Amino acid sequence: MIIKTNRTKPRVQILRGWDLVSTSTLHQVHAVKAGQEDIKSGMIISRVWNGTLGRYEWTKGVTANGLATPVPYIAFQDATEADVVAAEGLTGISISGDYEIQTGYFKTGETYNADVLLTFDGTTGGVKPAAEGNYVIGRVTRNQGVKSLNPAGVALFYENSETTPANSSVITFETSNMGFVQAVDAIA
């Protein structure tokens, strides 16, 4: 049975590099932190330690969690999906893996041409262009920038959705744990 839900944005699509059963696929499964039930498929998430329960839990956005550098992941499912709730486990895909991701969670009003470096957008769960000093989680791989999955006049079926998402715009990027953006000297 398919449970129908209305989505505001499309689910994450992993276009390259994903093999759930492979031992080389970088992903983790943890419970969702209380109050973070608005995590959606395609958002940037990170794990935080819950000392009371003795386990890691997912939170939206990125927290350093006592580490020198943050460890961002991408939510594979929605936090409220029946399987996630029943199993108390949401899959997070590591940006350290070699994946090409298509997501609707990005900061609007920015330019996303090919090769634009990306970082996480605070605690929103979205991505945005990286600036000097930002932690880079990947780069845009498709030259069309923002793309609509549902152009005018084209009807598409979205899995587990009653209707087409209200906003079917996505960007496509490859994951990469590149570290921090450094200042670039001007070429003379």
Protein backbone atom coordinates (compact mmCIF):
# COMPACT_ATOMS: atom_id res chain seq x y z
CA MET A 1 0.00 0.00 0.00
CA ILE A 2 1.32 3.45 -0.90
CA ILE A 3 0.56 6.17 1.61
CA LYS A 4 -0.28 9.39 -0.22
CA THR A 5 1.19 12.62 1.09
CA ASN A 6 1.44 16.11 -0.26
CA ARG A 7 5.01 17.35 -0.66
CA THR A 8 6.24 20.90 -0.90
CA LYS A 9 9.45 19.74 -2.66
CA PRO A 10 10.51 16.56 -4.47
CA ARG A 11 12.31 13.71 -2.70
CA VAL A 12 16.10 13.52 -2.95
CA GLN A 13 17.34 11.65 -5.99
CA ILE A 14 20.75 10.01 -5.95
CA LEU A 15 21.75 10.04 -9.58
CA ARG A 16 25.18 8.42 -9.21
CA GLY A 17 27.14 6.45 -6.63
CA TRP A 18 24.39 4.97 -4.42
CA ASP A 19 24.24 1.29 -3.54
CA LEU A 20 22.38 0.70 -0.28
CA VAL A 21 23.67 -2.86 0.16
CA SER A 22 27.31 -2.11 -0.65
CA THR A 23 29.75 -2.04 2.25
CA SER A 24 31.52 0.89 0.57
CA THR A 25 28.44 3.13 0.57
CA LEU A 26 28.84 5.81 3.21
CA HIS A 27 25.63 6.19 5.18
CA GLN A 28 24.39 5.96 8.76
CA VAL A 29 21.01 5.30 10.36
CA HIS A 30 19.98 7.12 13.56
CA ALA A 31 16.81 8.21 15.33
CA VAL A 32 15.53 11.75 14.75
CA LYS A 33 16.10 14.22 17.58
CA ALA A 34 12.92 15.35 19.37
CA GLY A 35 11.64 18.57 17.80
CA GLN A 36 13.32 17.81 14.45
CA GLU A 37 10.40 15.96 12.87
CA ASP A 38 10.40 18.50 10.02
CA ILE A 39 13.51 16.90 8.45
CA LYS A 40 12.67 16.12 4.81
CA SER A 41 14.27 13.92 2.17
CA GLY A 42 17.07 15.95 0.56
CA MET A 43 17.88 18.21 3.52
CA ILE A 44 21.35 18.57 5.01
CA ILE A 45 21.45 16.96 8.47
CA SER A 46 24.06 16.12 11.11
CA ARG A 47 24.22 13.83 14.11
CA VAL A 48 24.29 14.98 17.72
CA TRP A 49 24.91 12.89 20.81
CA ASN A 50 22.00 12.35 23.19
CA GLY A 51 23.70 11.43 26.46
CA THR A 52 20.41 10.63 28.19
CA LEU A 53 19.52 7.95 25.64
CA GLY A 54 23.14 7.00 24.87
CA ARG A 55 22.81 7.38 21.11
CA TYR A 56 23.35 9.69 18.15
CA GLU A 57 20.31 11.47 16.72
CA TRP A 58 19.74 13.49 13.53
CA THR A 59 19.21 17.24 13.59
CA LYS A 60 18.47 19.57 10.68
CA GLY A 61 21.42 21.60 9.40
CA VAL A 62 24.96 21.10 10.63
CA THR A 63 26.41 21.16 14.10
CA ALA A 64 30.10 20.57 14.81
CA ASN A 65 29.09 18.29 17.71
CA GLY A 66 32.38 18.95 19.48
CA LEU A 67 34.44 18.13 16.38
CA ALA A 68 36.94 20.46 14.69
CA THR A 69 35.01 20.13 11.43
CA PRO A 70 31.33 19.37 10.89
CA VAL A 71 30.13 16.10 9.38
CA PRO A 72 27.17 16.83 7.06
CA TYR A 73 24.82 14.16 5.76
CA ILE A 74 21.83 14.24 3.41
CA ALA A 75 18.48 12.90 4.63
CA PHE A 76 17.32 10.01 2.47
CA GLN A 77 13.78 9.87 3.89
CA ASP A 78 11.37 12.22 5.66
CA ALA A 79 11.50 12.04 9.46
CA THR A 80 7.74 11.36 9.61
CA GLU A 81 7.62 8.42 7.18
CA ALA A 82 6.00 5.37 8.76
CA ASP A 83 9.08 3.16 8.30
CA VAL A 84 11.39 5.78 9.83
CA VAL A 85 9.12 6.29 12.85
CA ALA A 86 8.56 2.54 13.40
CA ALA A 87 12.26 1.69 13.15
CA GLU A 88 13.43 4.88 14.89
CA GLY A 89 15.94 5.19 12.08
CA LEU A 90 16.43 7.73 9.31
CA THR A 91 19.18 7.14 6.73
CA GLY A 92 21.77 9.88 6.33
CA ILE A 93 24.07 9.82 3.29
CA SER A 94 27.58 11.14 4.02
CA ILE A 95 28.86 14.02 1.90
CA SER A 96 32.23 12.27 2.10
CA GLY A 97 30.91 9.71 -0.35
CA ASP A 98 31.13 10.04 -4.11
CA TYR A 99 27.50 10.79 -4.98
CA GLU A 100 25.60 13.02 -7.37
CA ILE A 101 22.54 14.38 -5.57
CA GLN A 102 19.43 16.16 -6.83
CA THR A 103 17.62 18.16 -4.14
CA GLY A 104 14.99 20.84 -3.84
CA TYR A 105 16.48 22.18 -0.61
CA PHE A 106 18.63 25.13 -1.63
CA LYS A 107 18.69 28.87 -0.89
CA THR A 108 16.65 30.71 -3.51
CA GLY A 109 17.82 33.85 -5.28
CA GLU A 110 21.37 32.51 -5.75
CA THR A 111 23.23 31.41 -8.90
CA TYR A 112 23.86 27.67 -9.25
CA ASN A 113 25.87 27.28 -12.46
CA ALA A 114 28.15 24.27 -12.98
CA ASP A 115 31.19 24.13 -10.65
CA VAL A 116 29.73 26.52 -8.05
CA LEU A 117 31.00 25.33 -4.66
CA LEU A 118 28.27 24.63 -2.09
CA THR A 119 27.99 24.84 1.68
CA PHE A 120 25.14 24.26 4.13
CA ASP A 121 22.68 27.06 4.88
CA GLY A 122 22.77 27.34 8.68
CA THR A 123 20.15 25.18 10.35
CA THR A 124 17.61 25.24 7.51
CA GLY A 125 18.74 21.96 5.95
CA GLY A 126 19.37 23.62 2.60
CA VAL A 127 22.52 24.27 0.57
CA LYS A 128 23.84 27.58 -0.78
CA PRO A 129 26.89 28.85 -2.70
CA ALA A 130 30.05 28.77 -0.58
CA ALA A 131 32.00 31.93 0.19
CA GLU A 132 35.50 32.38 1.62
CA GLY A 133 35.74 30.62 4.98
CA ASN A 134 32.72 28.34 4.39
CA TYR A 135 32.91 24.57 4.71
CA VAL A 136 32.44 23.04 1.23
CA ILE A 137 30.17 20.01 0.91
CA GLY A 138 30.13 19.73 -2.89
CA ARG A 139 29.87 21.48 -6.22
CA VAL A 140 27.10 21.95 -8.78
CA THR A 141 27.49 19.47 -11.64
CA ARG A 142 24.77 20.36 -14.11
CA ASN A 143 25.14 23.53 -16.15
CA GLN A 144 21.42 24.31 -16.18
CA GLY A 145 21.60 25.50 -12.56
CA VAL A 146 18.14 25.41 -11.03
CA LYS A 147 15.93 23.02 -12.99
CA SER A 148 12.19 22.44 -12.82
CA LEU A 149 11.21 18.78 -12.73
CA ASN A 150 7.71 19.72 -13.80
CA PRO A 151 7.89 22.18 -16.71
CA ALA A 152 4.61 23.80 -17.77
CA GLY A 153 2.33 21.35 -19.54
CA VAL A 154 4.24 18.21 -18.49
CA ALA A 155 2.54 15.94 -15.96
CA LEU A 156 4.93 13.92 -13.81
CA PHE A 157 4.26 11.25 -11.20
CA TYR A 158 5.91 11.72 -7.83
CA GLU A 159 6.25 8.58 -5.72
CA ASN A 160 4.18 8.68 -2.52
CA SER A 161 2.59 11.99 -3.51
CA GLU A 162 -1.02 12.84 -4.18
CA THR A 163 -0.01 15.87 -6.17
CA THR A 164 3.00 17.35 -7.86
CA PRO A 165 5.13 19.23 -5.29
CA ALA A 166 4.29 22.91 -5.07
CA ASN A 167 7.91 23.70 -5.87
CA SER A 168 9.54 21.15 -8.18
CA SER A 169 12.77 23.13 -8.66
CA VAL A 170 16.00 21.25 -7.92
CA ILE A 171 19.76 21.61 -8.19
CA THR A 172 22.20 18.79 -8.87
CA PHE A 173 25.57 18.54 -7.15
CA GLU A 174 28.32 16.08 -6.41
CA THR A 175 29.16 15.50 -2.77
CA SER A 176 32.67 16.25 -1.66
CA ASN A 177 34.24 16.78 1.71
CA MET A 178 36.50 19.58 0.47
CA GLY A 179 37.17 21.42 3.72
CA PHE A 180 37.09 25.21 3.91
CA VAL A 181 37.15 27.74 1.05
CA GLN A 182 40.41 29.68 1.06
CA ALA A 183 41.05 33.20 -0.24
CA VAL A 184 41.95 33.18 -3.91
CA ASP A 185 44.69 35.57 -5.12
CA ALA A 186 43.82 37.59 -8.19
CA ILE A 187 45.69 36.52 -11.33
CA ALA A 188 47.91 39.35 -12.55
